[in-house]
N, C-alpha and C. Protein backbone atom coordinates (compact mmCIF):
# COMPACT_ATOMS: atom_id res chain seq x y z
N UNK A 1 15.96 -0.50 -22.64
CA UNK A 1 16.56 0.24 -21.56
C UNK A 1 18.02 -0.20 -21.43
N UNK A 2 18.86 0.71 -21.13
CA UNK A 2 20.27 0.42 -20.92
C UNK A 2 20.58 0.46 -19.44
N UNK A 3 21.18 -0.60 -18.93
CA UNK A 3 21.52 -0.65 -17.52
C UNK A 3 22.50 0.45 -17.14
N UNK A 4 23.30 0.87 -18.09
CA UNK A 4 24.30 1.90 -17.81
C UNK A 4 23.63 3.25 -17.50
N UNK A 5 22.42 3.45 -18.00
CA UNK A 5 21.73 4.73 -17.83
C UNK A 5 20.67 4.70 -16.73
N UNK A 6 20.52 3.59 -16.03
CA UNK A 6 19.49 3.47 -15.02
C UNK A 6 20.13 3.18 -13.67
N UNK A 7 19.80 4.01 -12.68
CA UNK A 7 20.38 3.80 -11.36
C UNK A 7 19.79 2.55 -10.71
N UNK A 8 20.56 1.97 -9.82
CA UNK A 8 20.10 0.78 -9.09
C UNK A 8 19.13 1.24 -8.00
N UNK A 9 17.95 0.68 -8.00
CA UNK A 9 16.91 1.01 -7.04
C UNK A 9 16.93 0.01 -5.89
N UNK A 10 16.68 0.48 -4.69
CA UNK A 10 16.59 -0.37 -3.49
C UNK A 10 15.13 -0.46 -3.07
N UNK A 11 14.70 -1.66 -2.73
CA UNK A 11 13.32 -1.88 -2.31
C UNK A 11 13.06 -1.47 -0.87
N UNK A 12 11.93 -1.88 -0.37
CA UNK A 12 11.49 -1.55 0.98
C UNK A 12 11.80 -2.72 1.92
N UNK A 13 11.98 -2.43 3.21
CA UNK A 13 12.24 -3.52 4.16
C UNK A 13 10.99 -4.38 4.36
N UNK A 14 11.22 -5.60 4.82
CA UNK A 14 10.12 -6.51 5.14
C UNK A 14 9.25 -5.90 6.24
N UNK A 15 7.95 -6.11 6.12
CA UNK A 15 7.00 -5.72 7.17
C UNK A 15 6.40 -7.04 7.67
N UNK A 16 7.08 -7.61 8.65
CA UNK A 16 6.75 -8.94 9.14
C UNK A 16 6.93 -8.95 10.65
N UNK A 17 6.02 -9.61 11.34
CA UNK A 17 6.12 -9.77 12.79
C UNK A 17 6.32 -11.26 13.12
N UNK A 18 6.80 -11.56 14.29
CA UNK A 18 6.98 -12.98 14.66
C UNK A 18 5.69 -13.79 14.55
N UNK A 19 4.53 -13.17 14.77
CA UNK A 19 3.25 -13.89 14.71
C UNK A 19 2.63 -13.91 13.30
N UNK A 20 3.33 -13.39 12.31
CA UNK A 20 2.81 -13.38 10.93
C UNK A 20 2.53 -14.81 10.47
N UNK A 21 1.34 -15.01 9.89
CA UNK A 21 0.95 -16.33 9.39
C UNK A 21 0.95 -16.42 7.87
N UNK A 22 0.77 -15.27 7.21
CA UNK A 22 0.75 -15.22 5.74
C UNK A 22 1.57 -14.01 5.30
N UNK A 23 2.47 -14.23 4.36
CA UNK A 23 3.24 -13.12 3.79
C UNK A 23 2.85 -12.96 2.33
N UNK A 24 2.53 -11.73 1.95
CA UNK A 24 2.29 -11.40 0.55
C UNK A 24 3.62 -10.88 -0.01
N UNK A 25 4.08 -11.53 -1.06
CA UNK A 25 5.30 -11.12 -1.73
C UNK A 25 4.97 -10.45 -3.05
N UNK A 26 5.33 -9.18 -3.17
CA UNK A 26 5.25 -8.50 -4.44
C UNK A 26 6.53 -8.77 -5.22
N UNK A 27 6.70 -8.11 -6.33
CA UNK A 27 7.93 -8.24 -7.10
C UNK A 27 8.94 -7.20 -6.62
N UNK A 28 8.62 -5.93 -6.86
CA UNK A 28 9.47 -4.80 -6.47
C UNK A 28 8.59 -3.57 -6.47
N UNK A 29 8.77 -2.66 -5.51
CA UNK A 29 7.88 -1.48 -5.44
C UNK A 29 7.93 -0.63 -6.71
N UNK A 30 6.78 -0.13 -7.10
CA UNK A 30 6.70 0.79 -8.21
C UNK A 30 7.25 2.16 -7.82
N UNK A 31 7.33 3.04 -8.79
CA UNK A 31 7.90 4.37 -8.56
C UNK A 31 7.15 5.14 -7.47
N UNK A 32 5.81 5.07 -7.47
CA UNK A 32 5.03 5.79 -6.45
C UNK A 32 5.31 5.23 -5.06
N UNK A 33 5.43 3.93 -4.95
CA UNK A 33 5.71 3.30 -3.66
C UNK A 33 7.11 3.66 -3.17
N UNK A 34 8.07 3.65 -4.06
CA UNK A 34 9.44 4.03 -3.68
C UNK A 34 9.49 5.48 -3.24
N UNK A 35 8.80 6.35 -3.97
CA UNK A 35 8.81 7.78 -3.62
C UNK A 35 8.17 8.01 -2.25
N UNK A 36 7.10 7.28 -1.95
CA UNK A 36 6.40 7.44 -0.67
C UNK A 36 7.03 6.59 0.43
N UNK A 37 7.90 5.64 0.03
CA UNK A 37 8.46 4.66 0.98
C UNK A 37 7.33 3.90 1.69
N UNK A 38 6.35 3.47 0.87
CA UNK A 38 5.19 2.74 1.36
C UNK A 38 4.85 1.62 0.39
N UNK A 39 4.57 0.45 0.93
CA UNK A 39 4.10 -0.64 0.08
C UNK A 39 2.77 -0.25 -0.56
N UNK A 40 2.62 -0.56 -1.84
CA UNK A 40 1.41 -0.34 -2.61
C UNK A 40 0.95 1.11 -2.51
N UNK A 41 1.89 2.01 -2.80
CA UNK A 41 1.65 3.44 -2.67
C UNK A 41 0.96 4.08 -3.86
N UNK A 42 0.83 3.37 -4.98
CA UNK A 42 0.14 3.95 -6.14
C UNK A 42 -1.35 4.04 -5.80
N UNK A 43 -1.97 5.20 -6.00
CA UNK A 43 -3.38 5.37 -5.60
C UNK A 43 -4.34 4.45 -6.33
N UNK A 44 -3.96 3.92 -7.49
CA UNK A 44 -4.87 3.03 -8.22
C UNK A 44 -4.57 1.55 -7.98
N UNK A 45 -3.56 1.24 -7.15
CA UNK A 45 -3.29 -0.16 -6.84
C UNK A 45 -4.43 -0.68 -5.97
N UNK A 46 -4.84 -1.89 -6.23
CA UNK A 46 -5.99 -2.47 -5.53
C UNK A 46 -5.63 -3.15 -4.20
N UNK A 47 -4.36 -3.19 -3.82
CA UNK A 47 -3.96 -3.92 -2.61
C UNK A 47 -4.74 -3.46 -1.38
N UNK A 48 -4.63 -2.18 -1.03
CA UNK A 48 -5.29 -1.70 0.18
C UNK A 48 -6.82 -1.77 0.08
N UNK A 49 -7.43 -1.43 -1.07
CA UNK A 49 -8.88 -1.60 -1.18
C UNK A 49 -9.34 -3.06 -1.04
N UNK A 50 -8.53 -4.00 -1.51
CA UNK A 50 -8.88 -5.41 -1.36
C UNK A 50 -8.85 -5.80 0.12
N UNK A 51 -7.79 -5.41 0.83
CA UNK A 51 -7.73 -5.71 2.26
C UNK A 51 -8.90 -5.06 2.99
N UNK A 52 -9.22 -3.83 2.64
CA UNK A 52 -10.34 -3.13 3.27
C UNK A 52 -11.65 -3.90 3.06
N UNK A 53 -11.86 -4.40 1.86
CA UNK A 53 -13.08 -5.14 1.56
C UNK A 53 -13.12 -6.48 2.31
N UNK A 54 -11.99 -7.15 2.42
CA UNK A 54 -11.94 -8.44 3.11
C UNK A 54 -12.18 -8.25 4.61
N UNK A 55 -11.57 -7.22 5.19
CA UNK A 55 -11.62 -7.03 6.63
C UNK A 55 -12.73 -6.10 7.10
N UNK A 56 -13.38 -5.40 6.18
CA UNK A 56 -14.44 -4.47 6.58
C UNK A 56 -13.92 -3.28 7.37
N UNK A 57 -12.72 -2.82 7.01
CA UNK A 57 -12.09 -1.68 7.68
C UNK A 57 -11.77 -0.63 6.61
N UNK A 58 -12.07 0.63 6.89
CA UNK A 58 -11.77 1.70 5.94
C UNK A 58 -10.28 2.04 5.97
N UNK A 59 -9.48 1.20 5.37
CA UNK A 59 -8.03 1.39 5.40
C UNK A 59 -7.59 2.66 4.70
N UNK A 60 -8.29 3.05 3.64
CA UNK A 60 -7.89 4.24 2.87
C UNK A 60 -7.92 5.49 3.73
N UNK A 61 -8.77 5.51 4.74
CA UNK A 61 -8.88 6.68 5.61
C UNK A 61 -7.79 6.73 6.67
N UNK A 62 -7.04 5.65 6.81
CA UNK A 62 -6.01 5.56 7.84
C UNK A 62 -4.64 5.97 7.31
N UNK A 63 -3.81 6.57 8.15
CA UNK A 63 -2.42 6.80 7.75
C UNK A 63 -1.73 5.46 7.49
N UNK A 64 -0.70 5.49 6.69
CA UNK A 64 0.01 4.27 6.30
C UNK A 64 0.42 3.43 7.52
N UNK A 65 0.97 4.06 8.54
CA UNK A 65 1.43 3.32 9.72
C UNK A 65 0.28 2.55 10.37
N UNK A 66 -0.91 3.13 10.37
CA UNK A 66 -2.07 2.44 10.95
C UNK A 66 -2.56 1.31 10.06
N UNK A 67 -2.45 1.49 8.73
CA UNK A 67 -2.79 0.39 7.82
C UNK A 67 -1.86 -0.80 8.08
N UNK A 68 -0.57 -0.49 8.23
CA UNK A 68 0.42 -1.54 8.50
C UNK A 68 0.10 -2.22 9.84
N UNK A 69 -0.25 -1.44 10.86
CA UNK A 69 -0.59 -2.01 12.16
C UNK A 69 -1.80 -2.93 12.06
N UNK A 70 -2.82 -2.52 11.29
CA UNK A 70 -4.01 -3.36 11.09
C UNK A 70 -3.62 -4.68 10.43
N UNK A 71 -2.78 -4.59 9.44
CA UNK A 71 -2.33 -5.75 8.69
C UNK A 71 -1.55 -6.72 9.59
N UNK A 72 -0.58 -6.18 10.31
CA UNK A 72 0.25 -7.02 11.19
C UNK A 72 -0.59 -7.66 12.30
N UNK A 73 -1.56 -6.92 12.83
CA UNK A 73 -2.41 -7.44 13.90
C UNK A 73 -3.22 -8.65 13.43
N UNK A 74 -3.49 -8.72 12.13
CA UNK A 74 -4.26 -9.83 11.56
C UNK A 74 -3.37 -10.98 11.08
N UNK A 75 -2.07 -10.87 11.29
CA UNK A 75 -1.16 -11.95 10.91
C UNK A 75 -0.66 -11.89 9.49
N UNK A 76 -0.79 -10.73 8.85
CA UNK A 76 -0.35 -10.56 7.47
C UNK A 76 0.94 -9.77 7.41
N UNK A 77 1.88 -10.22 6.60
CA UNK A 77 3.12 -9.52 6.40
C UNK A 77 3.32 -9.19 4.93
N UNK A 78 4.27 -8.29 4.66
CA UNK A 78 4.57 -7.87 3.28
C UNK A 78 6.08 -7.87 3.05
N UNK A 79 6.43 -8.22 1.83
CA UNK A 79 7.82 -8.11 1.40
C UNK A 79 7.81 -8.22 -0.12
N UNK A 80 8.97 -8.16 -0.71
CA UNK A 80 9.10 -8.31 -2.15
C UNK A 80 10.11 -9.39 -2.48
N UNK A 81 9.97 -9.96 -3.65
CA UNK A 81 10.91 -10.97 -4.12
C UNK A 81 12.29 -10.35 -4.35
N UNK A 82 12.31 -9.11 -4.86
CA UNK A 82 13.58 -8.46 -5.19
C UNK A 82 13.94 -7.38 -4.18
N UNK A 83 15.20 -7.38 -3.78
CA UNK A 83 15.73 -6.36 -2.85
C UNK A 83 16.17 -5.12 -3.61
N UNK A 84 16.62 -5.31 -4.84
CA UNK A 84 17.14 -4.21 -5.65
C UNK A 84 17.06 -4.60 -7.12
N UNK A 85 17.03 -3.60 -7.98
CA UNK A 85 17.02 -3.84 -9.42
C UNK A 85 17.27 -2.53 -10.15
N UNK A 86 17.33 -2.63 -11.45
CA UNK A 86 17.34 -1.46 -12.32
C UNK A 86 16.03 -1.51 -13.09
N UNK A 87 15.38 -0.35 -13.20
CA UNK A 87 14.10 -0.31 -13.90
C UNK A 87 13.74 1.13 -14.20
N UNK A 88 13.28 1.37 -15.40
CA UNK A 88 12.66 2.64 -15.74
C UNK A 88 11.16 2.45 -15.59
N UNK A 89 10.50 3.37 -14.91
CA UNK A 89 9.07 3.26 -14.71
C UNK A 89 8.73 2.26 -13.62
N UNK A 90 7.56 1.66 -13.72
CA UNK A 90 7.07 0.78 -12.66
C UNK A 90 6.70 -0.61 -13.13
N UNK A 91 6.76 -0.89 -14.41
CA UNK A 91 6.32 -2.18 -14.91
C UNK A 91 7.30 -3.29 -14.55
N UNK A 92 6.76 -4.43 -14.14
CA UNK A 92 7.59 -5.59 -13.84
C UNK A 92 8.41 -6.03 -15.05
N UNK A 93 7.84 -5.86 -16.23
CA UNK A 93 8.54 -6.28 -17.45
C UNK A 93 9.81 -5.48 -17.70
N UNK A 94 9.97 -4.34 -17.02
CA UNK A 94 11.15 -3.50 -17.19
C UNK A 94 12.24 -3.80 -16.15
N UNK A 95 11.99 -4.73 -15.24
CA UNK A 95 12.98 -5.06 -14.20
C UNK A 95 14.18 -5.74 -14.84
N UNK A 96 15.35 -5.22 -14.50
CA UNK A 96 16.61 -5.80 -14.97
C UNK A 96 17.58 -5.89 -13.80
N UNK A 97 18.53 -6.79 -13.93
CA UNK A 97 19.63 -6.90 -12.97
C UNK A 97 19.08 -7.00 -11.54
N UNK A 98 18.09 -7.88 -11.35
CA UNK A 98 17.42 -7.99 -10.06
C UNK A 98 18.26 -8.77 -9.05
N UNK A 99 18.28 -8.26 -7.84
CA UNK A 99 18.93 -8.93 -6.71
C UNK A 99 17.82 -9.44 -5.80
N UNK A 100 17.73 -10.76 -5.58
CA UNK A 100 16.63 -11.28 -4.76
C UNK A 100 16.81 -10.98 -3.28
N UNK A 101 15.69 -10.87 -2.60
CA UNK A 101 15.71 -10.83 -1.14
C UNK A 101 16.01 -12.23 -0.62
N UNK A 102 16.42 -12.34 0.62
CA UNK A 102 16.71 -13.62 1.25
C UNK A 102 15.39 -14.24 1.72
N UNK A 103 14.67 -14.85 0.79
CA UNK A 103 13.35 -15.39 1.10
C UNK A 103 13.43 -16.56 2.07
N UNK A 104 14.55 -17.24 2.13
CA UNK A 104 14.72 -18.34 3.09
C UNK A 104 14.64 -17.82 4.53
N UNK A 105 14.90 -16.54 4.74
CA UNK A 105 14.84 -15.97 6.09
C UNK A 105 13.41 -15.78 6.58
N UNK A 106 12.43 -15.98 5.73
CA UNK A 106 11.03 -15.77 6.13
C UNK A 106 10.65 -16.63 7.33
N UNK A 107 11.12 -17.86 7.37
CA UNK A 107 10.75 -18.74 8.49
C UNK A 107 11.39 -18.29 9.80
N UNK A 108 12.52 -17.61 9.72
CA UNK A 108 13.15 -17.07 10.92
C UNK A 108 12.45 -15.79 11.35
N UNK A 109 12.12 -14.94 10.38
CA UNK A 109 11.43 -13.68 10.68
C UNK A 109 10.03 -13.92 11.24
N UNK A 110 9.39 -14.98 10.77
CA UNK A 110 8.01 -15.28 11.16
C UNK A 110 7.88 -16.77 11.48
N UNK A 111 8.24 -17.18 12.69
CA UNK A 111 8.22 -18.60 13.04
C UNK A 111 6.85 -19.27 12.91
N UNK A 112 5.76 -18.48 12.92
CA UNK A 112 4.41 -19.03 12.81
C UNK A 112 3.87 -18.96 11.38
N UNK A 113 4.73 -18.66 10.44
CA UNK A 113 4.33 -18.52 9.04
C UNK A 113 3.74 -19.83 8.53
N UNK A 114 2.56 -19.72 7.89
CA UNK A 114 1.87 -20.88 7.33
C UNK A 114 1.87 -20.89 5.81
N UNK A 115 1.91 -19.68 5.21
CA UNK A 115 1.72 -19.61 3.76
C UNK A 115 2.35 -18.35 3.18
N UNK A 116 2.61 -18.43 1.89
CA UNK A 116 3.14 -17.30 1.12
C UNK A 116 2.23 -17.09 -0.08
N UNK A 117 1.83 -15.84 -0.30
CA UNK A 117 1.01 -15.48 -1.46
C UNK A 117 1.82 -14.56 -2.36
N UNK A 118 2.01 -14.99 -3.59
CA UNK A 118 2.72 -14.17 -4.56
C UNK A 118 1.72 -13.25 -5.24
N UNK A 119 1.99 -11.95 -5.18
CA UNK A 119 1.13 -10.94 -5.78
C UNK A 119 1.56 -10.74 -7.23
N UNK A 120 0.99 -11.52 -8.12
CA UNK A 120 1.26 -11.37 -9.55
C UNK A 120 2.30 -12.33 -10.10
N UNK A 121 2.44 -12.28 -11.41
CA UNK A 121 3.28 -13.21 -12.14
C UNK A 121 4.77 -13.06 -11.92
N UNK A 122 5.26 -11.82 -11.86
CA UNK A 122 6.70 -11.63 -11.66
C UNK A 122 7.13 -12.17 -10.30
N UNK A 123 6.35 -11.90 -9.28
CA UNK A 123 6.64 -12.45 -7.95
C UNK A 123 6.59 -13.97 -7.99
N UNK A 124 5.63 -14.52 -8.70
CA UNK A 124 5.45 -15.98 -8.76
C UNK A 124 6.62 -16.69 -9.42
N UNK A 125 7.47 -15.96 -10.10
CA UNK A 125 8.66 -16.59 -10.69
C UNK A 125 9.56 -17.16 -9.58
N UNK A 126 9.37 -16.72 -8.35
CA UNK A 126 10.16 -17.21 -7.21
C UNK A 126 9.45 -18.34 -6.46
N UNK A 127 8.41 -18.91 -7.04
CA UNK A 127 7.64 -19.94 -6.33
C UNK A 127 8.47 -21.18 -6.01
N UNK A 128 9.46 -21.51 -6.82
CA UNK A 128 10.31 -22.67 -6.50
C UNK A 128 11.07 -22.40 -5.20
N UNK A 129 11.52 -21.18 -5.03
CA UNK A 129 12.26 -20.80 -3.82
C UNK A 129 11.34 -20.85 -2.61
N UNK A 130 10.16 -20.26 -2.73
CA UNK A 130 9.25 -20.22 -1.58
C UNK A 130 8.65 -21.59 -1.28
N UNK A 131 8.37 -22.39 -2.30
CA UNK A 131 7.84 -23.74 -2.07
C UNK A 131 8.85 -24.60 -1.33
N UNK A 132 10.13 -24.35 -1.52
CA UNK A 132 11.18 -25.11 -0.84
C UNK A 132 11.18 -24.87 0.67
N UNK A 133 10.47 -23.84 1.13
CA UNK A 133 10.37 -23.57 2.56
C UNK A 133 9.40 -24.51 3.26
N UNK A 134 8.66 -25.31 2.48
CA UNK A 134 7.73 -26.28 3.07
C UNK A 134 6.42 -25.68 3.53
N UNK A 135 6.08 -24.52 2.99
CA UNK A 135 4.83 -23.83 3.34
C UNK A 135 3.87 -23.88 2.16
N UNK A 136 2.61 -23.58 2.42
CA UNK A 136 1.65 -23.44 1.33
C UNK A 136 2.03 -22.20 0.52
N UNK A 137 1.96 -22.30 -0.80
CA UNK A 137 2.31 -21.18 -1.67
C UNK A 137 1.20 -21.03 -2.71
N UNK A 138 0.78 -19.79 -2.93
CA UNK A 138 -0.28 -19.51 -3.89
C UNK A 138 0.10 -18.29 -4.71
N UNK A 139 -0.30 -18.30 -5.98
CA UNK A 139 -0.16 -17.10 -6.82
C UNK A 139 -1.51 -16.42 -6.89
N UNK A 140 -1.51 -15.14 -6.55
CA UNK A 140 -2.73 -14.33 -6.63
C UNK A 140 -2.63 -13.36 -7.80
N UNK A 141 -3.77 -12.90 -8.31
CA UNK A 141 -3.72 -11.92 -9.39
C UNK A 141 -3.10 -10.62 -8.89
N UNK A 142 -2.29 -10.02 -9.72
CA UNK A 142 -1.63 -8.77 -9.35
C UNK A 142 -2.65 -7.69 -9.02
N UNK A 143 -2.35 -6.94 -7.96
CA UNK A 143 -3.21 -5.82 -7.58
C UNK A 143 -2.84 -4.55 -8.33
N UNK A 144 -1.81 -4.62 -9.16
CA UNK A 144 -1.34 -3.46 -9.91
C UNK A 144 -2.40 -2.92 -10.86
N UNK A 145 -2.42 -1.60 -11.06
CA UNK A 145 -3.33 -1.06 -12.07
C UNK A 145 -2.98 -1.54 -13.48
N UNK A 146 -1.77 -2.04 -13.67
CA UNK A 146 -1.40 -2.58 -14.98
C UNK A 146 -2.14 -3.89 -15.27
N UNK A 147 -2.66 -4.55 -14.25
CA UNK A 147 -3.43 -5.78 -14.43
C UNK A 147 -4.90 -5.44 -14.67
N UNK A 148 -5.16 -4.81 -15.79
CA UNK A 148 -6.51 -4.35 -16.10
C UNK A 148 -7.40 -5.47 -16.62
N UNK A 149 -6.84 -6.63 -16.94
CA UNK A 149 -7.66 -7.74 -17.44
C UNK A 149 -8.49 -8.38 -16.33
N UNK A 150 -8.14 -8.11 -15.08
CA UNK A 150 -8.90 -8.61 -13.93
C UNK A 150 -9.67 -7.45 -13.32
N UNK A 151 -10.97 -7.60 -13.15
CA UNK A 151 -11.76 -6.57 -12.47
C UNK A 151 -11.42 -6.59 -10.98
N UNK A 152 -11.78 -5.50 -10.30
CA UNK A 152 -11.58 -5.45 -8.86
C UNK A 152 -12.32 -6.62 -8.18
N UNK A 153 -13.55 -6.88 -8.60
CA UNK A 153 -14.36 -7.93 -7.98
C UNK A 153 -13.72 -9.30 -8.16
N UNK A 154 -13.16 -9.55 -9.33
CA UNK A 154 -12.51 -10.84 -9.59
C UNK A 154 -11.23 -10.98 -8.76
N UNK A 155 -10.45 -9.91 -8.67
CA UNK A 155 -9.25 -9.92 -7.81
C UNK A 155 -9.66 -10.16 -6.36
N UNK A 156 -10.67 -9.43 -5.90
CA UNK A 156 -11.13 -9.55 -4.53
C UNK A 156 -11.54 -10.99 -4.22
N UNK A 157 -12.26 -11.64 -5.10
CA UNK A 157 -12.69 -13.02 -4.86
C UNK A 157 -11.49 -13.95 -4.69
N UNK A 158 -10.49 -13.80 -5.53
CA UNK A 158 -9.29 -14.65 -5.43
C UNK A 158 -8.53 -14.39 -4.14
N UNK A 159 -8.36 -13.12 -3.81
CA UNK A 159 -7.64 -12.77 -2.58
C UNK A 159 -8.43 -13.21 -1.35
N UNK A 160 -9.74 -13.00 -1.35
CA UNK A 160 -10.57 -13.40 -0.21
C UNK A 160 -10.46 -14.91 0.02
N UNK A 161 -10.51 -15.69 -1.04
CA UNK A 161 -10.42 -17.15 -0.92
C UNK A 161 -9.09 -17.56 -0.29
N UNK A 162 -8.01 -16.95 -0.72
CA UNK A 162 -6.68 -17.28 -0.16
C UNK A 162 -6.57 -16.85 1.30
N UNK A 163 -7.07 -15.68 1.61
CA UNK A 163 -7.02 -15.20 2.99
C UNK A 163 -7.88 -16.06 3.92
N UNK A 164 -9.05 -16.48 3.43
CA UNK A 164 -9.92 -17.32 4.23
C UNK A 164 -9.26 -18.67 4.48
N UNK A 165 -8.69 -19.25 3.45
CA UNK A 165 -8.02 -20.55 3.56
C UNK A 165 -6.90 -20.53 4.60
N UNK A 166 -6.21 -19.39 4.71
CA UNK A 166 -5.05 -19.30 5.61
C UNK A 166 -5.34 -18.52 6.88
N UNK A 167 -6.64 -18.30 7.19
CA UNK A 167 -7.03 -17.71 8.46
C UNK A 167 -6.70 -16.25 8.65
N UNK A 168 -6.66 -15.49 7.53
CA UNK A 168 -6.34 -14.07 7.60
C UNK A 168 -7.58 -13.21 7.35
N UNK A 169 -8.65 -13.82 6.87
CA UNK A 169 -9.87 -13.05 6.53
C UNK A 169 -10.63 -12.64 7.76
């Protein structure tokens, strides 16, 4: 891919409340998420189905704003490692010229923050930055449909364990 031929993409704003206890950090929204202006907007992404299974709530039946409200009410926040980048398609491996979000601001945005969960390997590349905040940090398997080597059940088990440990389950 040539950076000269790819427009600079802007990510989504943080979805964090002052009472947030756990923030899930993705890498950068995929094309479907950017088009919908919704986190985890690809219909085959496992993020929302995993939360639904952990919390016993039919999140898929709810409008996006209500899913976000359910998430925030349980102390969960969302953001991405990158604020902007150049990328063709949706694969993390295609991210170029990435501009990081101000992850140090997480403690200001969420004074009750206890932990950060990186959703996948590209996000986890920022673990040195997030670990420097003095919080618990964990890498979770990517919920992306591109992570086909992990079954839904295996992803769910890993996510459930992290959510239980940090009081979000």
